[in-house]
Amino acid sequence: MTAQQCDNSAVPLGIYISVPFCRSKCSYCNFASGVFSRGAFESYVRRVCADIRNAERTAREAGGAFEREVDSIYLGGGTPTVLEPAQLGEIFAAVRETFEVMQGAEVTVECAPVSLSDTMLEKLLRCGVNRVSLGVQSFVDQESRAVGRLHTRDATLVDIERLRRAGVTNINIDLIAGLPHQTQASWQYSLEQTIATGAPHVSVYMLEVDEDSRLGRELIAGGKRYHAHFVPDEDTTADLYLIAGEALEAAGVKQYEISNFARVGGESLHNLKYWTRQPYMGFGVDAHSMLLSSDGSRNAVRMGTPDVLEQYTTGAPRSVTPVSHDMAVEEEFFLGLRLRRGIDLARIAAVYGVHCVPQQVVDELESAGLLDREGTWIGLTQRGRLLSNEVFQRFIRDAVVSE
C-alpha cells in the first residue's frame, strides 16, 4: 500500500474483465470457464458492457469510492480471443466511454496460442492492447496434448513473432510445472525455449490438485483418465518450480512474486494492484473488485460476481463484503508476502495500530526457515514460497489486531 492509499487519496483504478469462453476445456482448469455456443457470446458481451457502464452506481451502492481514471485493463478467461473481434471492440468501447484510460495505461489480453487471427490481432491493436499473456503451459507438444491444449511449440513461436512484428513486445508466457508426462529434462526444455523468446515476463504455476478440475478429481481418485497416472508427484513438481526459479534468475528474469518473474521493467502493473491492495473493479463471470471506502477512511469493500454463466447473464446480484480493520491487516500479510520484496512491519504497525503485528508468529516462522527478516521487513524464503499457503494461514489464524 502506498502513502496515497493510507490517506485514501485518489489512486488510478485497475479494470478486470472476465471472458469465460474457451475453444476446449483443459483438463487441469479449475476456473469458471468452459465451451459454449457462439449464441451465448452476444448476450454475455451485452451484459458485461451494461455492467461497465453502470460501474459508478455499482460502486456507490456498495459503499466504495469510484475512481474514473484507469491505468490498467486486463481481459482474462477463458480465452478472450474466442470472441468475435467486433465483440471485443464493444467491450473496450464501453470501458473508454465509462472511464478515463490514462496515457500509457497497461492493456493486457490473455490469448491461447493459435487463437490470434490477423483480424483479431488488428482489432486488439486498434483497442489499445499493448500486452499479451500467452497460455503456453509447455513447449513440449506431448504435454500440451495430454491436457487438451490445441497449440504446438512451432505455432506458439510463430505467434510470438507475429505479435512482435505488430509492435506488441510486452509478452507474458504462462508455464505449468507438474503436467502429465513432464520430466526434469522436458521442463528444462520448456524453460530454455521460454528464455530464448526473450519474453519480458514469465508466470510459473504448480499444477493444482483439487476437485474443481477433471484432472484434479482423477488424481484424487487415483485413476488414469486425462493421463493422471503420468502426473509427477508433489516433490517432483516442487523441484520443477525451484528449477524454474534458478533458470529464469540466471537469465535475468527475476522473481518478484510467488508465481511471477520479469526482466527489468517487465512487472505486471495490473497484477501488482492485487498484491498491494490498490483499487480495481471486475466485470463478468466470477470477477472480483476491491474499492477504497467512500467514507474517507482507510477501510475498503470487496465485491464478487456469480461464478455460473447463467446466473450472471440473468442478473444475479454481486456479493458485497466490507473489509474490516482486522481483515485488512490479514490481507496485508497474505497478499504482501506473495511479493519477493515482502512487507514492512513498521508501516503496517503505523497504519493499522502498533499491536497489529503478530510478533510471535513472525518469530516462529523465521525460526522454521519460512521467513527472512531484514530490519523491519519480512519476506518468504525459498522454502516459504513452496509452503506459502501454510504461512498465510498462520497469519490469518493468529494475527491479533488492536487499534
Protein backbone atom coordinates (compact mmCIF):
# COMPACT_ATOMS: atom_id res chain seq x y z
CA MET A 1 0.00 0.00 0.00
CA THR A 2 1.35 3.39 -0.94
CA ALA A 3 1.18 6.57 1.10
CA GLN A 4 -1.63 7.66 -1.20
CA GLN A 5 -3.70 4.66 -0.17
CA CYS A 6 -3.15 5.27 3.51
CA ASP A 7 -4.86 8.66 3.35
CA ASN A 8 -7.44 7.42 0.84
CA SER A 9 -6.30 9.85 -1.88
CA ALA A 10 -7.30 9.02 -5.44
CA VAL A 11 -5.42 6.03 -6.85
CA PRO A 12 -5.93 5.06 -10.51
CA LEU A 13 -8.26 2.10 -10.94
CA GLY A 14 -7.49 -1.26 -12.49
CA ILE A 15 -10.16 -2.91 -14.66
CA TYR A 16 -10.50 -6.71 -14.94
CA ILE A 17 -12.92 -8.26 -17.45
CA SER A 18 -13.63 -11.98 -17.41
CA VAL A 19 -14.37 -13.81 -20.67
CA PRO A 20 -15.25 -17.37 -19.61
CA PHE A 21 -15.28 -18.96 -23.07
CA CYS A 22 -12.78 -21.47 -24.47
CA ARG A 23 -12.40 -23.49 -27.65
CA SER A 24 -11.70 -26.50 -25.46
CA LYS A 25 -11.63 -27.02 -21.69
CA CYS A 26 -8.19 -28.01 -20.42
CA SER A 27 -8.27 -30.98 -18.07
CA TYR A 28 -6.38 -29.12 -15.31
CA CYS A 29 -8.53 -25.97 -15.44
CA ASN A 30 -10.40 -25.02 -12.25
CA PHE A 31 -11.61 -21.61 -13.44
CA ALA A 32 -15.21 -20.61 -14.11
CA SER A 33 -14.84 -21.13 -17.85
CA GLY A 34 -15.93 -23.60 -20.49
CA VAL A 35 -17.01 -24.32 -24.04
CA PHE A 36 -20.25 -22.56 -25.02
CA SER A 37 -22.08 -21.92 -28.28
CA ARG A 38 -21.42 -18.64 -30.02
CA GLY A 39 -25.03 -17.75 -29.28
CA ALA A 40 -24.03 -17.26 -25.65
CA PHE A 41 -21.31 -14.77 -26.57
CA GLU A 42 -23.61 -11.93 -27.62
CA SER A 43 -25.80 -11.95 -24.52
CA TYR A 44 -22.69 -12.15 -22.33
CA VAL A 45 -20.98 -9.21 -24.03
CA ARG A 46 -24.19 -7.21 -23.76
CA ARG A 47 -24.41 -7.86 -20.01
CA VAL A 48 -20.72 -7.08 -19.42
CA CYS A 49 -20.97 -3.79 -21.32
CA ALA A 50 -24.08 -2.82 -19.34
CA ASP A 51 -22.27 -3.56 -16.07
CA ILE A 52 -19.28 -1.49 -17.14
CA ARG A 53 -21.50 1.48 -17.99
CA ASN A 54 -23.22 1.08 -14.62
CA ALA A 55 -19.92 0.90 -12.71
CA GLU A 56 -20.22 4.18 -10.85
CA ARG A 57 -23.66 3.32 -9.47
CA THR A 58 -22.46 -0.17 -8.51
CA ALA A 59 -19.52 1.28 -6.60
CA ARG A 60 -21.63 3.89 -4.80
CA GLU A 61 -24.30 1.38 -3.76
CA ALA A 62 -21.60 -0.89 -2.30
CA GLY A 63 -20.09 1.99 -0.33
CA GLY A 64 -16.96 2.15 -2.45
CA ALA A 65 -15.14 5.22 -3.74
CA PHE A 66 -15.45 5.41 -7.52
CA GLU A 67 -12.33 6.47 -9.37
CA ARG A 68 -12.75 7.25 -13.07
CA GLU A 69 -9.05 7.26 -14.00
CA VAL A 70 -7.75 3.85 -15.11
CA ASP A 71 -4.12 2.84 -15.56
CA SER A 72 -4.54 -0.90 -16.23
CA ILE A 73 -7.05 -3.06 -18.09
CA TYR A 74 -6.87 -6.86 -18.10
CA LEU A 75 -9.06 -9.23 -20.14
CA GLY A 76 -8.73 -12.75 -18.77
CA GLY A 77 -10.54 -16.02 -19.10
CA GLY A 78 -11.12 -18.43 -20.50
CA THR A 79 -9.79 -17.21 -23.77
CA PRO A 80 -10.98 -13.68 -24.63
CA THR A 81 -9.82 -14.08 -28.23
CA VAL A 82 -12.54 -16.69 -28.94
CA LEU A 83 -14.96 -13.74 -29.10
CA GLU A 84 -15.56 -12.07 -32.42
CA PRO A 85 -13.25 -9.08 -32.96
CA ALA A 86 -16.29 -6.80 -33.05
CA GLN A 87 -17.42 -8.12 -29.65
CA LEU A 88 -14.05 -7.35 -28.10
CA GLY A 89 -14.35 -3.92 -29.65
CA GLU A 90 -17.71 -3.41 -27.92
CA ILE A 91 -16.17 -4.23 -24.53
CA PHE A 92 -13.27 -1.82 -24.98
CA ALA A 93 -15.64 0.87 -26.23
CA ALA A 94 -17.75 0.51 -23.06
CA VAL A 95 -14.64 0.85 -20.90
CA ARG A 96 -13.48 4.00 -22.67
CA GLU A 97 -16.98 5.53 -22.53
CA THR A 98 -17.19 4.98 -18.76
CA PHE A 99 -13.61 5.52 -17.61
CA GLU A 100 -10.72 7.81 -18.44
CA VAL A 101 -8.00 5.46 -19.64
CA MET A 102 -4.69 7.15 -18.88
CA GLN A 103 -1.99 7.71 -21.45
CA GLY A 104 0.37 4.73 -21.35
CA ALA A 105 -2.07 2.50 -19.45
CA GLU A 106 -1.17 -1.19 -19.42
CA VAL A 107 -3.78 -3.06 -21.51
CA THR A 108 -3.47 -6.85 -21.35
CA VAL A 109 -5.39 -9.61 -23.12
CA GLU A 110 -4.93 -13.30 -22.38
CA CYS A 111 -4.61 -15.39 -25.54
CA ALA A 112 -4.22 -19.07 -26.29
CA PRO A 113 -1.60 -19.68 -28.95
CA VAL A 114 -3.20 -20.18 -32.42
CA SER A 115 -6.23 -18.08 -31.37
CA LEU A 116 -4.81 -14.90 -32.88
CA SER A 117 -6.13 -14.45 -36.41
CA ASP A 118 -4.87 -11.50 -38.42
CA THR A 119 -8.25 -9.83 -37.96
CA MET A 120 -8.18 -10.38 -34.21
CA LEU A 121 -4.64 -9.05 -33.90
CA GLU A 122 -5.58 -5.94 -35.85
CA LYS A 123 -8.61 -5.40 -33.58
CA LEU A 124 -6.52 -5.76 -30.43
CA LEU A 125 -4.10 -3.13 -31.67
CA ARG A 126 -6.95 -0.76 -32.51
CA CYS A 127 -8.34 -1.26 -29.00
CA GLY A 128 -5.05 -0.18 -27.47
CA VAL A 129 -3.81 -3.60 -26.34
CA ASN A 130 -0.08 -3.34 -25.57
CA ARG A 131 0.48 -6.51 -23.53
CA VAL A 132 -0.45 -10.13 -24.32
CA SER A 133 -0.37 -13.07 -21.92
CA LEU A 134 0.07 -16.34 -23.80
CA GLY A 135 -1.22 -19.53 -22.16
CA VAL A 136 1.63 -21.70 -23.40
CA GLN A 137 1.92 -24.00 -20.31
CA SER A 138 4.51 -26.18 -22.08
CA PHE A 139 6.72 -26.10 -25.17
CA VAL A 140 6.59 -29.92 -25.33
CA ASP A 141 3.78 -30.97 -27.66
CA GLN A 142 3.09 -34.26 -25.86
CA GLU A 143 2.48 -32.42 -22.58
CA SER A 144 0.24 -29.85 -24.25
CA ARG A 145 -1.88 -32.53 -25.95
CA ALA A 146 -2.19 -34.51 -22.74
CA VAL A 147 -4.12 -31.70 -21.02
CA GLY A 148 -6.19 -30.67 -24.04
CA ARG A 149 -4.18 -27.71 -25.34
CA LEU A 150 -4.59 -27.18 -29.09
CA HIS A 151 -1.29 -25.49 -29.93
CA THR A 152 2.18 -26.76 -30.75
CA ARG A 153 5.60 -25.39 -29.94
CA ASP A 154 6.12 -24.20 -33.51
CA ALA A 155 2.74 -22.44 -33.67
CA THR A 156 3.47 -20.68 -30.37
CA LEU A 157 6.79 -19.34 -31.61
CA VAL A 158 5.10 -18.10 -34.79
CA ASP A 159 2.50 -16.22 -32.71
CA ILE A 160 5.21 -14.59 -30.57
CA GLU A 161 6.97 -13.39 -33.70
CA ARG A 162 3.68 -12.11 -35.18
CA LEU A 163 2.98 -10.13 -32.01
CA ARG A 164 6.42 -8.56 -32.09
CA ARG A 165 6.12 -7.61 -35.76
CA ALA A 166 2.81 -5.95 -34.89
CA GLY A 167 4.50 -3.91 -32.15
CA VAL A 168 3.39 -5.92 -29.10
CA THR A 169 6.67 -6.66 -27.32
CA ASN A 170 5.29 -6.82 -23.77
CA ILE A 171 4.53 -10.54 -23.71
CA ASN A 172 3.94 -12.92 -20.80
CA ILE A 173 4.41 -16.67 -21.14
CA ASP A 174 2.48 -18.93 -18.76
CA LEU A 175 4.08 -22.25 -17.77
CA ILE A 176 2.76 -25.05 -15.53
CA ALA A 177 5.03 -27.31 -13.52
CA GLY A 178 3.64 -30.80 -12.90
CA LEU A 179 1.82 -31.55 -16.16
CA PRO A 180 1.33 -35.19 -17.22
CA HIS A 181 4.46 -36.73 -18.80
CA GLN A 182 6.62 -33.84 -17.57
CA THR A 183 10.17 -34.68 -16.50
CA GLN A 184 13.09 -32.56 -15.39
CA ALA A 185 14.53 -32.85 -18.90
CA SER A 186 11.31 -31.81 -20.66
CA TRP A 187 10.76 -29.00 -18.16
CA GLN A 188 14.29 -27.74 -18.75
CA TYR A 189 13.49 -27.71 -22.47
CA SER A 190 10.35 -25.60 -21.90
CA LEU A 191 12.37 -23.18 -19.79
CA GLU A 192 15.11 -22.93 -22.42
CA GLN A 193 12.52 -22.22 -25.12
CA THR A 194 10.85 -19.61 -22.91
CA ILE A 195 14.10 -17.82 -22.16
CA ALA A 196 15.12 -17.93 -25.84
CA THR A 197 11.98 -15.99 -26.82
CA GLY A 198 13.23 -13.02 -24.78
CA ALA A 199 9.75 -12.51 -23.31
CA PRO A 200 9.91 -9.85 -20.58
CA HIS A 201 7.52 -11.70 -18.25
CA VAL A 202 7.02 -15.34 -17.28
CA SER A 203 4.44 -16.86 -14.93
CA VAL A 204 5.17 -20.28 -13.41
CA TYR A 205 2.39 -22.17 -11.65
CA MET A 206 2.47 -25.53 -9.93
CA LEU A 207 -0.32 -27.87 -11.02
CA GLU A 208 -3.25 -27.61 -8.61
CA VAL A 209 -4.87 -30.84 -7.49
CA ASP A 210 -8.43 -30.15 -6.44
CA GLU A 211 -11.99 -31.23 -7.17
CA ASP A 212 -12.67 -28.22 -9.40
CA SER A 213 -10.88 -29.75 -12.40
CA ARG A 214 -11.29 -33.06 -14.21
CA LEU A 215 -7.61 -33.89 -13.87
CA GLY A 216 -7.64 -32.97 -10.19
CA ARG A 217 -10.62 -35.19 -9.46
CA GLU A 218 -8.99 -38.07 -11.31
CA LEU A 219 -5.75 -37.64 -9.38
CA ILE A 220 -7.63 -37.60 -6.08
CA ALA A 221 -9.46 -40.78 -7.12
CA GLY A 222 -6.23 -42.49 -8.17
CA GLY A 223 -7.49 -43.05 -11.71
CA LYS A 224 -5.85 -43.00 -15.13
CA ARG A 225 -8.11 -40.76 -17.22
CA TYR A 226 -6.68 -37.49 -18.54
CA HIS A 227 -3.17 -39.01 -18.24
CA ALA A 228 -3.46 -38.67 -14.45
CA HIS A 229 -1.07 -41.59 -13.85
CA PHE A 230 1.65 -39.64 -15.68
CA VAL A 231 1.45 -36.60 -13.39
CA PRO A 232 4.68 -36.06 -11.40
CA ASP A 233 4.40 -36.38 -7.63
CA GLU A 234 4.31 -33.32 -5.36
CA ASP A 235 8.01 -33.43 -4.52
CA THR A 236 8.98 -33.58 -8.19
CA THR A 237 6.62 -30.71 -9.01
CA ALA A 238 8.18 -28.64 -6.22
CA ASP A 239 11.62 -29.41 -7.63
CA LEU A 240 10.46 -28.26 -11.09
CA TYR A 241 9.29 -24.97 -9.60
CA LEU A 242 12.67 -24.44 -7.95
CA ILE A 243 14.49 -25.33 -11.18
CA ALA A 244 12.39 -22.70 -12.99
CA GLY A 245 13.35 -20.05 -10.48
CA GLU A 246 17.05 -20.80 -10.82
CA ALA A 247 16.98 -20.91 -14.64
CA LEU A 248 14.96 -17.73 -15.04
CA GLU A 249 17.01 -15.81 -12.47
CA ALA A 250 20.21 -16.83 -14.25
CA ALA A 251 18.74 -15.48 -17.50
CA GLY A 252 17.86 -12.11 -15.94
CA VAL A 253 14.17 -12.87 -15.47
CA LYS A 254 13.88 -12.08 -11.78
CA GLN A 255 11.21 -13.40 -9.44
CA TYR A 256 9.09 -10.61 -7.98
CA GLU A 257 6.09 -12.66 -6.78
CA ILE A 258 5.50 -16.31 -5.91
CA SER A 259 4.47 -17.24 -9.46
CA ASN A 260 5.78 -14.30 -11.48
CA PHE A 261 9.14 -13.40 -12.98
CA ALA A 262 10.15 -10.39 -15.07
CA ARG A 263 13.02 -8.70 -16.75
CA VAL A 264 13.77 -5.17 -15.51
CA GLY A 265 10.66 -3.05 -16.04
CA GLY A 266 8.53 -6.01 -17.14
CA GLU A 267 6.46 -6.48 -13.98
CA SER A 268 2.67 -6.62 -14.45
CA LEU A 269 1.21 -3.30 -13.29
CA HIS A 270 -2.27 -4.79 -13.12
CA ASN A 271 -1.38 -7.83 -11.02
CA LEU A 272 0.65 -5.67 -8.64
CA LYS A 273 -2.62 -3.92 -7.79
CA TYR A 274 -3.96 -7.16 -6.29
CA TRP A 275 -0.93 -7.78 -4.09
CA THR A 276 -0.57 -4.19 -2.90
CA ARG A 277 -4.30 -3.69 -2.24
CA GLN A 278 -4.82 -0.98 -4.82
CA PRO A 279 -8.40 -0.46 -6.10
CA TYR A 280 -9.73 -2.42 -9.05
CA MET A 281 -13.13 -3.32 -10.50
CA GLY A 282 -14.02 -6.64 -12.08
CA PHE A 283 -16.73 -7.33 -14.65
CA GLY A 284 -18.10 -10.62 -15.96
CA VAL A 285 -18.42 -14.12 -14.51
CA ASP A 286 -16.52 -14.75 -11.27
CA ALA A 287 -14.92 -11.29 -11.34
CA HIS A 288 -13.82 -9.60 -8.14
CA SER A 289 -13.38 -5.99 -7.11
CA MET A 290 -11.73 -4.08 -4.30
CA LEU A 291 -12.53 -0.41 -3.78
CA LEU A 292 -11.49 2.03 -1.11
CA SER A 293 -14.31 3.12 1.17
CA SER A 294 -16.35 6.15 0.13
CA ASP A 295 -16.44 7.42 3.74
CA GLY A 296 -12.89 8.77 3.60
CA SER A 297 -11.49 6.14 5.98
CA ARG A 298 -8.79 3.60 5.13
CA ASN A 299 -11.43 0.86 5.02
CA ALA A 300 -12.30 -0.98 1.81
CA VAL A 301 -15.10 -3.01 0.25
CA ARG A 302 -14.80 -6.18 -1.83
CA MET A 303 -17.34 -7.34 -4.40
CA GLY A 304 -17.78 -10.52 -6.42
CA THR A 305 -19.98 -11.68 -9.29
CA PRO A 306 -21.62 -15.14 -9.68
CA ASP A 307 -19.31 -17.90 -10.93
CA VAL A 308 -22.03 -19.54 -13.06
CA LEU A 309 -22.65 -18.11 -16.54
CA GLU A 310 -26.44 -18.43 -16.47
CA GLN A 311 -26.68 -16.76 -13.05
CA TYR A 312 -24.52 -13.90 -14.22
CA THR A 313 -26.34 -13.26 -17.51
CA THR A 314 -29.76 -13.41 -15.84
CA GLY A 315 -28.81 -10.65 -13.42
CA ALA A 316 -27.90 -12.36 -10.15
CA PRO A 317 -26.55 -9.69 -7.75
CA ARG A 318 -22.95 -9.17 -6.74
CA SER A 319 -21.76 -10.13 -3.31
CA VAL A 320 -20.58 -7.20 -1.21
CA THR A 321 -18.18 -7.62 1.73
CA PRO A 322 -16.98 -4.64 3.76
CA VAL A 323 -13.31 -5.15 4.69
CA SER A 324 -12.94 -4.66 8.42
CA HIS A 325 -9.81 -3.39 10.13
CA ASP A 326 -8.85 -6.95 11.12
CA MET A 327 -9.49 -8.30 7.62
CA ALA A 328 -7.36 -5.52 6.11
CA VAL A 329 -4.40 -6.50 8.30
CA GLU A 330 -4.78 -10.14 7.29
CA GLU A 331 -4.82 -9.11 3.65
CA GLU A 332 -1.67 -7.03 4.12
CA PHE A 333 0.13 -10.18 5.24
CA PHE A 334 -1.17 -12.85 2.87
CA LEU A 335 -1.13 -10.59 -0.20
CA GLY A 336 2.01 -8.60 0.56
CA LEU A 337 4.05 -11.67 1.41
CA ARG A 338 3.42 -13.01 -2.09
CA LEU A 339 5.84 -10.35 -3.28
CA ARG A 340 9.52 -11.16 -3.10
CA ARG A 341 10.24 -7.79 -1.51
CA GLY A 342 7.88 -8.78 1.33
CA ILE A 343 6.22 -6.33 3.70
CA ASP A 344 7.33 -3.63 6.10
CA LEU A 345 6.11 -4.41 9.62
CA ALA A 346 6.80 -0.85 10.74
CA ARG A 347 4.47 0.53 8.07
CA ILE A 348 1.72 -1.92 8.97
CA ALA A 349 2.04 -1.01 12.64
CA ALA A 350 1.90 2.72 11.81
CA VAL A 351 -1.14 2.37 9.54
CA TYR A 352 -3.21 -0.16 11.48
CA GLY A 353 -2.08 0.16 15.07
CA VAL A 354 1.07 -0.74 16.92
CA HIS A 355 -0.32 -4.04 18.29
CA CYS A 356 -1.45 -5.45 14.96
CA VAL A 357 1.78 -7.27 14.08
CA PRO A 358 1.74 -10.89 15.38
CA GLN A 359 5.35 -10.87 16.54
CA GLN A 360 5.26 -14.42 17.94
CA VAL A 361 4.07 -15.76 14.59
CA VAL A 362 6.82 -13.86 12.78
CA ASP A 363 9.46 -15.23 15.17
CA GLU A 364 8.21 -18.83 14.82
CA LEU A 365 8.07 -18.70 11.02
CA GLU A 366 11.54 -17.17 10.89
CA SER A 367 12.88 -19.92 13.16
CA ALA A 368 11.25 -22.52 10.89
CA GLY A 369 13.10 -21.12 7.89
CA LEU A 370 9.95 -19.86 6.19
CA LEU A 371 10.55 -16.13 6.63
CA ASP A 372 13.58 -13.89 6.20
CA ARG A 373 13.86 -10.67 8.18
CA GLU A 374 15.90 -7.57 7.35
CA GLY A 375 15.29 -4.67 9.67
CA THR A 376 11.53 -4.13 9.79
CA TRP A 377 10.94 -6.03 6.51
CA ILE A 378 9.96 -9.70 6.28
CA GLY A 379 9.66 -11.90 3.20
CA LEU A 380 9.22 -15.54 2.30
CA THR A 381 12.29 -17.73 1.94
CA GLN A 382 12.56 -20.14 -0.97
CA ARG A 383 11.07 -22.85 1.26
CA GLY A 384 8.44 -20.40 2.44
CA ARG A 385 7.31 -19.82 -1.15
CA LEU A 386 6.79 -23.55 -1.57
CA LEU A 387 4.73 -23.65 1.65
CA SER A 388 3.14 -20.24 1.23
CA ASN A 389 -0.43 -21.36 1.97
CA GLU A 390 0.65 -22.71 5.36
CA VAL A 391 2.46 -19.43 6.11
CA PHE A 392 -0.59 -17.35 5.15
CA GLN A 393 -2.86 -19.48 7.30
CA ARG A 394 -0.72 -18.74 10.35
CA PHE A 395 -1.19 -15.00 9.89
CA ILE A 396 -4.92 -15.34 9.27
CA ARG A 397 -5.40 -17.60 12.28
CA ASP A 398 -3.07 -15.94 14.77
CA ALA A 399 -2.94 -12.25 13.91
CA VAL A 400 -4.09 -10.10 16.85
CA VAL A 401 -5.33 -6.71 15.81
CA SER A 402 -5.79 -3.75 18.17
CA GLU A 403 -6.02 -0.02 17.46
